[in-house]
Amino acid sequence: MKFGWINLFGAAIVVIMLIPNIVYAVKNKNTENMCKNVFMHYVEQIGRYACIVLMWFPLLSS
């Protein structure tokens, strides 16, 4: 699978887009999560990490 430079550009854009989320998470790390649905929490975490893995997979396999 060869995608070229677009993956590095796309990865950089995603990292830049994540900066506000990281800042928010660091500032509010002691805040209680209002969502009490454990199943939804796990599905959200799986989706989050799956997106990261699927985004970087073409970069690693080329």
N, C-alpha and C. Protein backbone atom coordinates (compact mmCIF):
# COMPACT_ATOMS: atom_id res chain seq x y z
N MET A 1 0.83 -1.16 0.00
CA MET A 1 0.00 0.00 0.00
C MET A 1 0.89 1.24 0.00
N LYS A 2 0.80 2.04 -1.04
CA LYS A 2 1.64 3.23 -1.13
C LYS A 2 0.75 4.45 -1.33
N PHE A 3 0.85 5.39 -0.41
CA PHE A 3 0.03 6.58 -0.48
C PHE A 3 0.84 7.85 -0.72
N GLY A 4 2.12 7.84 -0.47
CA GLY A 4 2.95 9.02 -0.72
C GLY A 4 2.92 10.02 0.42
N TRP A 5 3.23 11.27 0.09
CA TRP A 5 3.40 12.31 1.10
C TRP A 5 2.10 12.72 1.77
N ILE A 6 0.95 12.42 1.15
CA ILE A 6 -0.33 12.87 1.70
C ILE A 6 -0.56 12.33 3.11
N ASN A 7 -0.04 11.14 3.42
CA ASN A 7 -0.23 10.59 4.75
C ASN A 7 0.52 11.38 5.81
N LEU A 8 1.73 11.79 5.51
CA LEU A 8 2.48 12.59 6.48
C LEU A 8 1.80 13.94 6.67
N PHE A 9 1.32 14.53 5.61
CA PHE A 9 0.60 15.79 5.70
C PHE A 9 -0.68 15.62 6.51
N GLY A 10 -1.43 14.56 6.22
CA GLY A 10 -2.66 14.28 6.95
C GLY A 10 -2.40 14.01 8.43
N ALA A 11 -1.33 13.27 8.71
CA ALA A 11 -0.98 12.98 10.10
C ALA A 11 -0.62 14.27 10.83
N ALA A 12 0.09 15.17 10.18
CA ALA A 12 0.44 16.44 10.81
C ALA A 12 -0.81 17.27 11.10
N ILE A 13 -1.75 17.28 10.18
CA ILE A 13 -3.00 18.01 10.38
C ILE A 13 -3.76 17.44 11.56
N VAL A 14 -3.83 16.12 11.66
CA VAL A 14 -4.55 15.48 12.78
C VAL A 14 -3.89 15.81 14.11
N VAL A 15 -2.56 15.79 14.15
CA VAL A 15 -1.84 16.12 15.38
C VAL A 15 -2.13 17.56 15.78
N ILE A 16 -2.12 18.47 14.82
CA ILE A 16 -2.42 19.87 15.11
C ILE A 16 -3.85 20.02 15.62
N MET A 17 -4.78 19.26 15.04
CA MET A 17 -6.17 19.32 15.49
C MET A 17 -6.35 18.75 16.89
N LEU A 18 -5.47 17.86 17.32
CA LEU A 18 -5.58 17.25 18.64
C LEU A 18 -5.06 18.15 19.76
N ILE A 19 -4.29 19.17 19.43
CA ILE A 19 -3.68 20.02 20.46
C ILE A 19 -4.73 20.62 21.40
N PRO A 20 -5.84 21.20 20.92
CA PRO A 20 -6.84 21.73 21.86
C PRO A 20 -7.43 20.63 22.77
N ASN A 21 -7.62 19.42 22.23
CA ASN A 21 -8.15 18.33 23.04
C ASN A 21 -7.17 17.93 24.13
N ILE A 22 -5.89 17.92 23.81
CA ILE A 22 -4.87 17.57 24.80
C ILE A 22 -4.82 18.63 25.89
N VAL A 23 -4.86 19.90 25.50
CA VAL A 23 -4.84 20.99 26.48
C VAL A 23 -6.06 20.89 27.40
N TYR A 24 -7.23 20.64 26.82
CA TYR A 24 -8.46 20.51 27.62
C TYR A 24 -8.35 19.33 28.59
N ALA A 25 -7.84 18.20 28.11
CA ALA A 25 -7.72 17.01 28.96
C ALA A 25 -6.75 17.26 30.11
N VAL A 26 -5.65 17.95 29.85
CA VAL A 26 -4.68 18.23 30.91
C VAL A 26 -5.26 19.20 31.94
N LYS A 27 -5.98 20.22 31.47
CA LYS A 27 -6.55 21.20 32.39
C LYS A 27 -7.69 20.62 33.23
N ASN A 28 -8.40 19.62 32.71
CA ASN A 28 -9.58 19.07 33.39
C ASN A 28 -9.38 17.61 33.80
N LYS A 29 -8.16 17.23 34.12
CA LYS A 29 -7.89 15.82 34.42
C LYS A 29 -8.54 15.36 35.72
N ASN A 30 -8.84 16.25 36.63
CA ASN A 30 -9.45 15.86 37.90
C ASN A 30 -10.97 16.00 37.89
N THR A 31 -11.54 16.34 36.74
CA THR A 31 -12.98 16.51 36.62
C THR A 31 -13.65 15.15 36.51
N GLU A 32 -14.76 14.99 37.21
CA GLU A 32 -15.49 13.72 37.17
C GLU A 32 -16.24 13.57 35.85
N ASN A 33 -16.19 12.38 35.29
CA ASN A 33 -16.93 12.09 34.07
C ASN A 33 -18.41 11.93 34.41
N MET A 34 -19.26 12.71 33.77
CA MET A 34 -20.69 12.69 34.08
C MET A 34 -21.40 11.49 33.45
N CYS A 35 -20.80 10.88 32.47
CA CYS A 35 -21.40 9.71 31.81
C CYS A 35 -21.14 8.47 32.65
N LYS A 36 -22.18 7.81 33.05
CA LYS A 36 -22.05 6.62 33.91
C LYS A 36 -22.22 5.30 33.14
N ASN A 37 -22.45 5.39 31.82
CA ASN A 37 -22.64 4.20 31.00
C ASN A 37 -21.27 3.61 30.67
N VAL A 38 -20.92 2.49 31.31
CA VAL A 38 -19.60 1.88 31.14
C VAL A 38 -19.41 1.35 29.73
N PHE A 39 -20.46 0.74 29.15
CA PHE A 39 -20.37 0.19 27.79
C PHE A 39 -20.02 1.29 26.79
N MET A 40 -20.69 2.42 26.90
CA MET A 40 -20.43 3.54 25.99
C MET A 40 -19.00 4.06 26.16
N HIS A 41 -18.52 4.07 27.38
CA HIS A 41 -17.15 4.51 27.65
C HIS A 41 -16.15 3.60 26.94
N TYR A 42 -16.34 2.28 27.04
CA TYR A 42 -15.41 1.34 26.40
C TYR A 42 -15.49 1.41 24.88
N VAL A 43 -16.68 1.56 24.33
CA VAL A 43 -16.83 1.68 22.88
C VAL A 43 -16.14 2.95 22.37
N GLU A 44 -16.26 4.03 23.13
CA GLU A 44 -15.60 5.28 22.75
C GLU A 44 -14.08 5.11 22.76
N GLN A 45 -13.54 4.45 23.76
CA GLN A 45 -12.10 4.25 23.84
C GLN A 45 -11.60 3.35 22.71
N ILE A 46 -12.33 2.29 22.41
CA ILE A 46 -11.95 1.39 21.31
C ILE A 46 -11.95 2.16 20.00
N GLY A 47 -12.98 2.96 19.76
CA GLY A 47 -13.05 3.74 18.53
C GLY A 47 -11.92 4.75 18.42
N ARG A 48 -11.59 5.37 19.54
CA ARG A 48 -10.51 6.37 19.55
C ARG A 48 -9.18 5.73 19.18
N TYR A 49 -8.86 4.61 19.83
CA TYR A 49 -7.57 3.97 19.55
C TYR A 49 -7.56 3.30 18.18
N ALA A 50 -8.70 2.80 17.72
CA ALA A 50 -8.76 2.20 16.39
C ALA A 50 -8.50 3.26 15.31
N CYS A 51 -9.02 4.46 15.50
CA CYS A 51 -8.76 5.54 14.54
C CYS A 51 -7.28 5.88 14.47
N ILE A 52 -6.64 5.92 15.62
CA ILE A 52 -5.21 6.23 15.63
C ILE A 52 -4.43 5.14 14.91
N VAL A 53 -4.72 3.89 15.21
CA VAL A 53 -4.00 2.77 14.59
C VAL A 53 -4.24 2.75 13.08
N LEU A 54 -5.49 2.92 12.67
CA LEU A 54 -5.80 2.88 11.24
C LEU A 54 -5.21 4.08 10.49
N MET A 55 -5.03 5.21 11.17
CA MET A 55 -4.42 6.36 10.51
C MET A 55 -2.93 6.12 10.29
N TRP A 56 -2.24 5.53 11.26
CA TRP A 56 -0.80 5.35 11.17
C TRP A 56 -0.40 4.07 10.43
N PHE A 57 -1.32 3.12 10.26
CA PHE A 57 -0.97 1.84 9.60
C PHE A 57 -0.41 2.03 8.20
N PRO A 58 -1.03 2.86 7.34
CA PRO A 58 -0.42 3.04 6.00
C PRO A 58 0.96 3.67 6.05
N LEU A 59 1.23 4.50 7.04
CA LEU A 59 2.57 5.11 7.14
C LEU A 59 3.61 4.06 7.49
N LEU A 60 3.25 3.14 8.37
CA LEU A 60 4.19 2.12 8.81
C LEU A 60 4.40 1.02 7.79
N SER A 61 3.39 0.75 6.97
CA SER A 61 3.49 -0.36 6.03
C SER A 61 4.14 0.04 4.70
N SER A 62 4.37 1.34 4.49
CA SER A 62 4.97 1.75 3.21
C SER A 62 6.48 1.71 3.26
